[in-house]
C-alpha cells in the first residue's frame, strides 16, 4: 500500500475502520465507532492510554485518529508467552500491523504489566481504554489509572458486561464510585466518563445485569459444546463468547 494512502488526516470513520478491520481481534464495528467517536472529541495533541493491545485492532483504530490530531497512543501490553496470548508471536503481529497502518510514529508500545507500571506513571493522557486481563483483581487495579484523567474524560471498558471478573469489578468499584458515571455501551464495550454520577447513572449499570446474565449463560453453553442451544435460546450463532 502506498505511503500516501496511509495518511489519516481528514479520514472518515469508515476509512479508518477499513484499515483496522483487517486485523484479527474481538472488536465489532459498533465498538470501533465508539472508540473513534471519543478519540475524535479529544483536543489536538492529546494522548490515549490503551491497556491490552493484542494484535493492534483497537490500537490502529485509535492511532489513526490520534495521528491526525498530532497526538499519541500509549499501548500497554506485556505480551506474555502462553497458548492464550501468543507472547513474542503476537507482539510481532502487533508491530507489523502498526507499521502497515502507518502509525508507528504515533503509537508507543509499553511492554509491561499495567498493574506494575501504574504507580510510577507520569505522562498525561486524556482517554483510557481498558481491555487487559479480565480477572477481577487486574481490572480493579486498571480502573485506578483514571486518577490521571481530567474531568469529563472518557473511560472505555471492553467486555464490561460479558466477563464475570470485569462485571464484578464494575459493580464493586464503579457502581459506588463518586468519580465515574456510566453513559452507554456498544455490545460489551462500556463508556464511562470521569465525573460525579447521578442516581440515574448508577441505575443504568444495574439495568445491564440481565444482559450480563444472558452472556454468562451463553458462555456456559459454549463450554458445554451446546452452540445449537445457544443459537435457539439466545440467538447467539457464533463459536466465540459474546463481546
Protein backbone atom coordinates (compact mmCIF):
# COMPACT_ATOMS: atom_id res chain seq x y z
CA UNK A 1 0.00 0.00 0.00
CA UNK A 2 1.49 3.42 -0.95
CA UNK A 3 2.50 5.61 1.97
CA UNK A 4 0.30 8.44 0.71
CA UNK A 5 -2.82 6.29 1.13
CA UNK A 6 -1.98 5.80 4.79
CA UNK A 7 -2.22 9.46 5.71
CA UNK A 8 -5.13 9.63 8.18
CA UNK A 9 -5.75 13.38 8.09
CA UNK A 10 -9.43 14.05 7.41
CA UNK A 11 -10.40 10.40 7.12
CA UNK A 12 -13.92 9.31 7.91
CA UNK A 13 -14.72 6.54 10.36
CA UNK A 14 -15.36 4.08 7.54
CA UNK A 15 -11.95 4.79 6.04
CA UNK A 16 -10.20 4.25 9.36
CA UNK A 17 -12.27 1.14 10.09
CA UNK A 18 -11.31 -0.35 6.72
CA UNK A 19 -7.70 -0.33 7.91
CA UNK A 20 -8.35 -1.68 11.43
CA UNK A 21 -10.86 -4.33 10.33
CA UNK A 22 -8.13 -6.24 8.50
CA UNK A 23 -6.50 -7.01 11.86
CA UNK A 24 -7.71 -10.07 13.85
CA UNK A 25 -9.37 -9.33 17.16
CA UNK A 26 -12.57 -9.08 19.18
CA UNK A 27 -13.81 -5.57 18.45
CA UNK A 28 -17.00 -5.04 16.49
CA UNK A 29 -17.65 -2.18 14.11
CA UNK A 30 -20.04 -0.57 16.60
CA UNK A 31 -17.36 -0.73 19.30
CA UNK A 32 -14.77 0.71 16.94
CA UNK A 33 -17.18 3.52 16.17
CA UNK A 34 -17.44 4.32 19.87
CA UNK A 35 -13.65 4.43 20.21
CA UNK A 36 -13.39 6.58 17.10
CA UNK A 37 -16.09 8.94 18.32
CA UNK A 38 -14.46 9.51 21.70
CA UNK A 39 -10.95 9.87 20.25
CA UNK A 40 -12.13 12.45 17.71
CA UNK A 41 -13.60 14.56 20.53
CA UNK A 42 -10.22 14.93 22.23
CA UNK A 43 -8.27 18.18 21.81
CA UNK A 44 -5.37 18.20 19.34
CA UNK A 45 -2.17 16.88 20.85
CA UNK A 46 -3.96 14.61 23.31
CA UNK A 47 -2.86 11.12 24.32
CA UNK A 48 -4.76 7.87 24.82
CA UNK A 49 -3.67 5.05 27.12
CA UNK A 50 -4.73 1.59 25.98
CA UNK A 51 -4.41 -1.40 28.30
CA UNK A 52 -4.33 -4.62 26.29
CA UNK A 53 -3.44 -4.30 22.60
CA UNK A 54 -3.18 -7.90 21.31
CA UNK A 55 -2.58 -7.68 17.54
CA UNK A 56 -3.42 -3.99 17.33
CA UNK A 57 -7.00 -3.91 16.05
CA UNK A 58 -8.13 -1.24 18.52
CA UNK A 59 -4.67 0.36 18.65
CA UNK A 60 -4.74 1.10 14.95
CA UNK A 61 -8.30 2.39 15.22
CA UNK A 62 -7.30 4.91 17.88
CA UNK A 63 -3.87 5.53 16.39
CA UNK A 64 -5.17 6.67 13.00
CA UNK A 65 -7.40 9.24 14.69
CA UNK A 66 -4.74 10.46 17.09
CA UNK A 67 -2.14 10.78 14.36
CA UNK A 68 -4.40 13.24 12.56
CA UNK A 69 -4.61 15.21 15.83
CA UNK A 70 -0.87 15.21 16.41
CA UNK A 71 -1.50 13.06 19.46
CA UNK A 72 -0.16 9.84 20.91
CA UNK A 73 -1.26 6.34 21.92
CA UNK A 74 0.43 4.50 24.77
CA UNK A 75 -0.20 0.80 24.14
CA UNK A 76 0.38 -1.12 27.38
CA UNK A 77 0.71 -4.88 26.92
CA UNK A 78 3.24 -7.33 28.42
CA UNK A 79 2.85 -9.80 25.52
CA UNK A 80 3.37 -12.74 27.82
CA UNK A 81 4.07 -16.19 26.41
CA UNK A 82 1.35 -18.81 26.55
CA UNK A 83 -1.27 -20.56 24.45
CA UNK A 84 -3.91 -17.89 25.01
CA UNK A 85 -1.88 -14.74 24.28
CA UNK A 86 0.93 -15.82 21.96
CA UNK A 87 3.76 -13.81 23.51
CA UNK A 88 6.51 -12.89 21.05
CA UNK A 89 4.49 -14.01 18.04
CA UNK A 90 1.58 -11.75 18.97
CA UNK A 91 3.94 -8.84 19.59
CA UNK A 92 5.46 -9.36 16.14
CA UNK A 93 1.96 -9.24 14.64
CA UNK A 94 1.14 -6.11 16.64
CA UNK A 95 4.27 -4.30 15.44
CA UNK A 96 3.67 -5.38 11.84
CA UNK A 97 0.07 -4.13 11.91
CA UNK A 98 1.09 -0.81 13.44
CA UNK A 99 3.68 -0.34 10.70
CA UNK A 100 1.28 -1.37 7.92
CA UNK A 101 -1.28 1.15 9.21
CA UNK A 102 1.32 3.90 9.13
CA UNK A 103 1.04 4.84 12.82
CA UNK A 104 4.43 3.78 14.14
CA UNK A 105 5.24 7.40 14.91
CA UNK A 106 2.02 7.78 16.93
CA UNK A 107 1.83 4.50 18.87
CA UNK A 108 4.32 3.87 21.66
CA UNK A 109 4.41 0.28 22.88
CA UNK A 110 4.89 -0.02 26.63
CA UNK A 111 5.70 -3.71 27.00
CA UNK A 112 4.93 -4.24 30.66
CA UNK A 113 2.14 -5.10 33.07
CA UNK A 114 -0.37 -2.29 33.58
CA UNK A 115 -0.52 -3.13 37.29
CA UNK A 116 3.26 -2.90 37.61
CA UNK A 117 3.80 0.50 35.97
CA UNK A 118 0.68 2.30 37.15
CA UNK A 119 2.05 3.81 40.36
CA UNK A 120 5.13 5.26 38.65
CA UNK A 121 3.41 6.57 35.50
CA UNK A 122 3.97 10.33 35.00
CA UNK A 123 2.85 11.09 31.44
CA UNK A 124 -0.54 12.74 30.92
CA UNK A 125 -3.30 11.24 28.81
CA UNK A 126 -6.89 12.26 28.15
CA UNK A 127 -8.64 8.97 27.36
CA UNK A 128 -8.38 5.48 28.88
CA UNK A 129 -9.28 2.24 27.13
CA UNK A 130 -9.22 -0.93 29.26
CA UNK A 131 -9.08 -4.30 27.52
CA UNK A 132 -6.45 -6.09 29.59
CA UNK A 133 -6.62 -9.22 31.68
CA UNK A 134 -10.27 -9.86 32.53
CA UNK A 135 -9.93 -11.14 36.07
CA UNK A 136 -11.44 -9.13 38.93
CA UNK A 137 -8.11 -8.14 40.52
CA UNK A 138 -6.36 -6.88 37.40
CA UNK A 139 -9.39 -4.97 36.16
CA UNK A 140 -9.94 -3.41 39.58
CA UNK A 141 -6.36 -2.16 39.52
CA UNK A 142 -6.64 -0.94 35.93
CA UNK A 143 -9.58 1.25 36.93
CA UNK A 144 -7.18 3.19 39.16
CA UNK A 145 -5.48 4.61 36.07
CA UNK A 146 -8.36 7.09 35.90
CA UNK A 147 -6.66 9.29 38.52
CA UNK A 148 -4.56 10.64 35.64
CA UNK A 149 -7.61 11.79 33.68
CA UNK A 150 -9.19 15.26 33.65
CA UNK A 151 -12.85 15.88 34.44
CA UNK A 152 -15.10 14.68 31.64
CA UNK A 153 -12.54 12.31 30.14
CA UNK A 154 -13.80 9.04 28.61
CA UNK A 155 -13.03 5.65 30.14
CA UNK A 156 -13.93 2.75 27.83
CA UNK A 157 -14.02 -0.84 29.03
CA UNK A 158 -14.23 -3.82 26.69
CA UNK A 159 -16.11 -6.93 27.84
CA UNK A 160 -17.59 -4.88 30.65
CA UNK A 161 -20.85 -6.82 30.66
CA UNK A 162 -19.70 -10.19 29.31
CA UNK A 163 -16.93 -11.14 31.73
CA UNK A 164 -17.56 -12.26 35.31
CA UNK A 165 -14.37 -10.65 36.63
CA UNK A 166 -14.86 -7.34 34.81
CA UNK A 167 -18.56 -7.10 35.64
CA UNK A 168 -17.93 -7.82 39.32
CA UNK A 169 -15.20 -5.20 39.34
CA UNK A 170 -17.64 -2.73 37.79
CA UNK A 171 -20.30 -3.50 40.40
CA UNK A 172 -17.90 -3.20 43.33
CA UNK A 173 -15.70 -0.31 42.16
CA UNK A 174 -17.66 1.74 39.61
CA UNK A 175 -21.24 1.45 40.85
CA UNK A 176 -20.40 3.07 44.24
CA UNK A 177 -17.68 5.38 42.86
CA UNK A 178 -18.02 9.13 43.23
CA UNK A 179 -15.96 10.00 40.17
CA UNK A 180 -17.23 7.76 37.33
CA UNK A 181 -20.57 7.82 35.58
CA UNK A 182 -21.89 5.28 33.11
CA UNK A 183 -23.22 6.55 29.78
CA UNK A 184 -23.88 3.65 27.40
CA UNK A 185 -22.45 0.57 25.72
CA UNK A 186 -21.79 -0.88 22.28
CA UNK A 187 -22.10 -4.62 22.72
CA UNK A 188 -19.91 -5.44 25.68
CA UNK A 189 -17.89 -2.19 25.46
CA UNK A 190 -18.99 0.33 28.07
CA UNK A 191 -18.42 4.06 28.04
CA UNK A 192 -17.85 5.73 31.39
CA UNK A 193 -16.86 9.34 31.97
CA UNK A 194 -14.90 10.96 34.76
CA UNK A 195 -17.42 12.95 36.75
CA UNK A 196 -19.85 12.78 39.63
CA UNK A 197 -22.55 10.17 38.89
CA UNK A 198 -26.25 10.68 39.42
CA UNK A 199 -28.65 8.04 40.69
CA UNK A 200 -29.75 7.53 37.08
CA UNK A 201 -26.14 6.84 36.06
CA UNK A 202 -25.89 4.13 38.71
CA UNK A 203 -29.23 2.63 37.75
CA UNK A 204 -28.09 2.30 34.15
CA UNK A 205 -25.32 -0.02 35.31
CA UNK A 206 -27.78 -2.20 37.20
CA UNK A 207 -30.08 -2.23 34.19
CA UNK A 208 -27.38 -4.08 32.23
CA UNK A 209 -27.37 -7.05 34.63
CA UNK A 210 -29.97 -9.14 32.72
CA UNK A 211 -27.85 -8.78 29.57
CA UNK A 212 -24.73 -9.81 31.52
CA UNK A 213 -26.51 -12.90 32.92
CA UNK A 214 -27.57 -13.80 29.40
CA UNK A 215 -23.94 -13.58 28.23
CA UNK A 216 -22.71 -15.76 31.11
CA UNK A 217 -25.30 -18.41 30.22
CA UNK A 218 -24.19 -18.30 26.58
CA UNK A 219 -20.60 -18.88 27.70
CA UNK A 220 -21.66 -21.87 29.77
CA UNK A 221 -23.47 -23.38 26.79
CA UNK A 222 -20.44 -22.85 24.55
CA UNK A 223 -18.16 -24.51 27.12
CA UNK A 224 -20.57 -27.46 27.15
CA UNK A 225 -20.41 -27.54 23.34
CA UNK A 226 -24.10 -26.71 23.11
CA UNK A 227 -23.83 -23.99 20.50
CA UNK A 228 -27.13 -25.04 18.83
CA UNK A 229 -28.90 -24.43 22.14
CA UNK A 230 -27.27 -21.00 22.46
CA UNK A 231 -28.48 -20.21 18.95
CA UNK A 232 -32.07 -21.24 19.65
CA UNK A 233 -32.42 -19.78 23.14
CA UNK A 234 -30.22 -16.69 22.97
CA UNK A 235 -29.85 -16.08 19.20
CA UNK A 236 -26.08 -16.45 19.61
CA UNK A 237 -24.80 -18.07 16.43
CA UNK A 238 -21.04 -17.86 16.92
CA UNK A 239 -18.30 -20.13 18.28
CA UNK A 240 -16.93 -17.14 20.20
CA UNK A 241 -18.04 -15.73 23.54
CA UNK A 242 -20.31 -12.67 23.38
CA UNK A 243 -18.32 -9.47 23.03
